């Protein structure tokens, strides 16, 4: 995962091409590159959403 955390001010100073590059570099396609605690948190939130949606179906 990218190490740099951009502030809004820093990001706005970039050109549109640079902003696109930062965005593209932030996309993770290999789950092995995602910290396990973050991945567990995301999985928990997704499961909660699934459970909520399933329980609200008629």
N, C-alpha and C. Protein backbone atom coordinates (compact mmCIF):
# COMPACT_ATOMS: atom_id res chain seq x y z
N UNK A 1 0.84 -1.17 0.00
CA UNK A 1 0.00 0.00 0.00
C UNK A 1 0.89 1.24 0.00
N UNK A 2 0.40 2.31 -0.61
CA UNK A 2 1.21 3.52 -0.66
C UNK A 2 1.54 4.04 0.73
N UNK A 3 2.74 4.57 0.87
CA UNK A 3 3.19 5.09 2.15
C UNK A 3 2.79 6.55 2.36
N UNK A 4 2.72 7.30 1.29
CA UNK A 4 2.45 8.74 1.37
C UNK A 4 0.98 8.98 1.66
N UNK A 5 0.72 9.84 2.63
CA UNK A 5 -0.63 10.31 2.90
C UNK A 5 -0.66 11.77 2.46
N UNK A 6 -1.49 12.05 1.47
CA UNK A 6 -1.56 13.38 0.89
C UNK A 6 -2.59 14.22 1.63
N UNK A 7 -2.22 15.46 1.95
CA UNK A 7 -3.21 16.39 2.47
C UNK A 7 -3.97 16.96 1.28
N UNK A 8 -5.15 17.52 1.54
CA UNK A 8 -5.93 18.13 0.46
C UNK A 8 -5.12 19.24 -0.20
N UNK A 9 -4.43 20.01 0.61
CA UNK A 9 -3.64 21.12 0.07
C UNK A 9 -2.54 20.62 -0.87
N UNK A 10 -1.83 19.57 -0.46
CA UNK A 10 -0.78 19.01 -1.30
C UNK A 10 -1.36 18.46 -2.60
N UNK A 11 -2.45 17.74 -2.46
CA UNK A 11 -3.07 17.10 -3.62
C UNK A 11 -3.58 18.14 -4.62
N UNK A 12 -4.15 19.22 -4.12
CA UNK A 12 -4.67 20.26 -5.00
C UNK A 12 -3.58 21.00 -5.75
N UNK A 13 -2.37 21.00 -5.21
CA UNK A 13 -1.25 21.67 -5.88
C UNK A 13 -0.72 20.83 -7.06
N UNK A 14 -1.09 19.57 -7.11
CA UNK A 14 -0.64 18.70 -8.20
C UNK A 14 -1.42 19.00 -9.47
N UNK A 15 -0.79 18.73 -10.59
CA UNK A 15 -1.50 18.87 -11.87
C UNK A 15 -2.52 17.73 -11.98
N UNK A 16 -3.50 17.86 -12.86
CA UNK A 16 -4.46 16.76 -13.04
C UNK A 16 -3.77 15.44 -13.41
N UNK A 17 -2.73 15.50 -14.19
CA UNK A 17 -1.99 14.28 -14.57
C UNK A 17 -1.33 13.67 -13.33
N UNK A 18 -0.74 14.51 -12.49
CA UNK A 18 -0.12 14.01 -11.26
C UNK A 18 -1.17 13.45 -10.31
N UNK A 19 -2.32 14.10 -10.20
CA UNK A 19 -3.40 13.59 -9.35
C UNK A 19 -3.86 12.22 -9.83
N UNK A 20 -4.01 12.07 -11.14
CA UNK A 20 -4.40 10.76 -11.69
C UNK A 20 -3.35 9.70 -11.36
N UNK A 21 -2.08 10.07 -11.44
CA UNK A 21 -1.00 9.11 -11.14
C UNK A 21 -1.04 8.69 -9.68
N UNK A 22 -1.26 9.66 -8.78
CA UNK A 22 -1.36 9.34 -7.35
C UNK A 22 -2.53 8.39 -7.12
N UNK A 23 -3.66 8.68 -7.74
CA UNK A 23 -4.84 7.82 -7.59
C UNK A 23 -4.56 6.41 -8.09
N UNK A 24 -3.99 6.30 -9.28
CA UNK A 24 -3.70 4.99 -9.86
C UNK A 24 -2.73 4.19 -8.98
N UNK A 25 -1.75 4.88 -8.39
CA UNK A 25 -0.78 4.20 -7.53
C UNK A 25 -1.41 3.73 -6.22
N UNK A 26 -2.55 4.31 -5.87
CA UNK A 26 -3.18 3.95 -4.60
C UNK A 26 -4.08 2.72 -4.70
N UNK A 27 -4.33 2.26 -5.91
CA UNK A 27 -5.20 1.09 -6.10
C UNK A 27 -4.39 -0.17 -5.84
N UNK A 28 -4.89 -0.99 -4.92
CA UNK A 28 -4.21 -2.23 -4.56
C UNK A 28 -4.97 -3.39 -5.19
N UNK A 29 -4.27 -4.20 -5.96
CA UNK A 29 -4.90 -5.35 -6.60
C UNK A 29 -4.45 -6.68 -5.99
N UNK A 30 -3.47 -6.63 -5.12
CA UNK A 30 -2.95 -7.83 -4.47
C UNK A 30 -3.27 -7.74 -2.98
N UNK A 31 -4.20 -8.58 -2.50
CA UNK A 31 -4.58 -8.51 -1.10
C UNK A 31 -3.42 -8.82 -0.15
N UNK A 32 -2.39 -9.47 -0.64
CA UNK A 32 -1.22 -9.75 0.19
C UNK A 32 -0.50 -8.45 0.56
N UNK A 33 -0.74 -7.39 -0.21
CA UNK A 33 -0.10 -6.10 0.06
C UNK A 33 -0.89 -5.25 1.06
N UNK A 34 -2.05 -5.74 1.48
CA UNK A 34 -2.92 -4.99 2.40
C UNK A 34 -2.64 -5.45 3.83
N UNK A 35 -2.42 -4.52 4.76
CA UNK A 35 -2.21 -4.93 6.15
C UNK A 35 -3.38 -5.77 6.67
N UNK A 36 -3.07 -6.85 7.35
CA UNK A 36 -4.07 -7.81 7.79
C UNK A 36 -5.14 -7.18 8.68
N UNK A 37 -4.75 -6.27 9.58
CA UNK A 37 -5.75 -5.66 10.45
C UNK A 37 -6.73 -4.79 9.67
N UNK A 38 -6.24 -4.11 8.64
CA UNK A 38 -7.12 -3.30 7.80
C UNK A 38 -8.06 -4.20 7.01
N UNK A 39 -7.52 -5.26 6.45
CA UNK A 39 -8.33 -6.20 5.68
C UNK A 39 -9.41 -6.84 6.55
N UNK A 40 -9.07 -7.20 7.78
CA UNK A 40 -10.05 -7.78 8.70
C UNK A 40 -11.16 -6.77 9.00
N UNK A 41 -10.79 -5.51 9.20
CA UNK A 41 -11.78 -4.46 9.46
C UNK A 41 -12.73 -4.30 8.27
N UNK A 42 -12.18 -4.27 7.08
CA UNK A 42 -13.01 -4.12 5.88
C UNK A 42 -13.93 -5.32 5.73
N UNK A 43 -13.41 -6.53 5.94
CA UNK A 43 -14.25 -7.73 5.83
C UNK A 43 -15.39 -7.70 6.84
N UNK A 44 -15.10 -7.24 8.04
CA UNK A 44 -16.13 -7.15 9.08
C UNK A 44 -17.23 -6.17 8.66
N UNK A 45 -16.83 -5.02 8.14
CA UNK A 45 -17.81 -4.02 7.70
C UNK A 45 -18.66 -4.53 6.54
N UNK A 46 -18.03 -5.24 5.62
CA UNK A 46 -18.78 -5.81 4.49
C UNK A 46 -19.78 -6.84 4.98
N UNK A 47 -19.35 -7.70 5.90
CA UNK A 47 -20.26 -8.71 6.44
C UNK A 47 -21.43 -8.07 7.17
N UNK A 48 -21.16 -7.01 7.93
CA UNK A 48 -22.25 -6.30 8.62
C UNK A 48 -23.23 -5.73 7.60
N UNK A 49 -22.73 -5.19 6.52
CA UNK A 49 -23.60 -4.64 5.47
C UNK A 49 -24.44 -5.73 4.83
N UNK A 50 -23.82 -6.86 4.55
CA UNK A 50 -24.55 -8.00 3.98
C UNK A 50 -25.64 -8.44 4.93
N UNK A 51 -25.31 -8.57 6.20
CA UNK A 51 -26.28 -9.01 7.19
C UNK A 51 -27.44 -8.03 7.31
N UNK A 52 -27.13 -6.74 7.30
CA UNK A 52 -28.16 -5.71 7.38
C UNK A 52 -29.08 -5.75 6.16
N UNK A 53 -28.50 -5.86 5.00
CA UNK A 53 -29.29 -5.92 3.77
C UNK A 53 -30.15 -7.18 3.74
N UNK A 54 -29.58 -8.31 4.15
CA UNK A 54 -30.33 -9.57 4.14
C UNK A 54 -31.50 -9.54 5.10
N UNK A 55 -31.31 -8.90 6.24
CA UNK A 55 -32.39 -8.86 7.24
C UNK A 55 -33.48 -7.87 6.87
N UNK A 56 -33.21 -6.95 5.95
CA UNK A 56 -34.23 -5.98 5.55
C UNK A 56 -35.01 -6.41 4.32
N UNK A 57 -34.65 -7.54 3.75
CA UNK A 57 -35.38 -8.07 2.59
C UNK A 57 -36.69 -8.71 3.04
N UNK A 58 -37.75 -8.52 2.25
CA UNK A 58 -39.04 -9.12 2.64
C UNK A 58 -39.06 -10.63 2.57
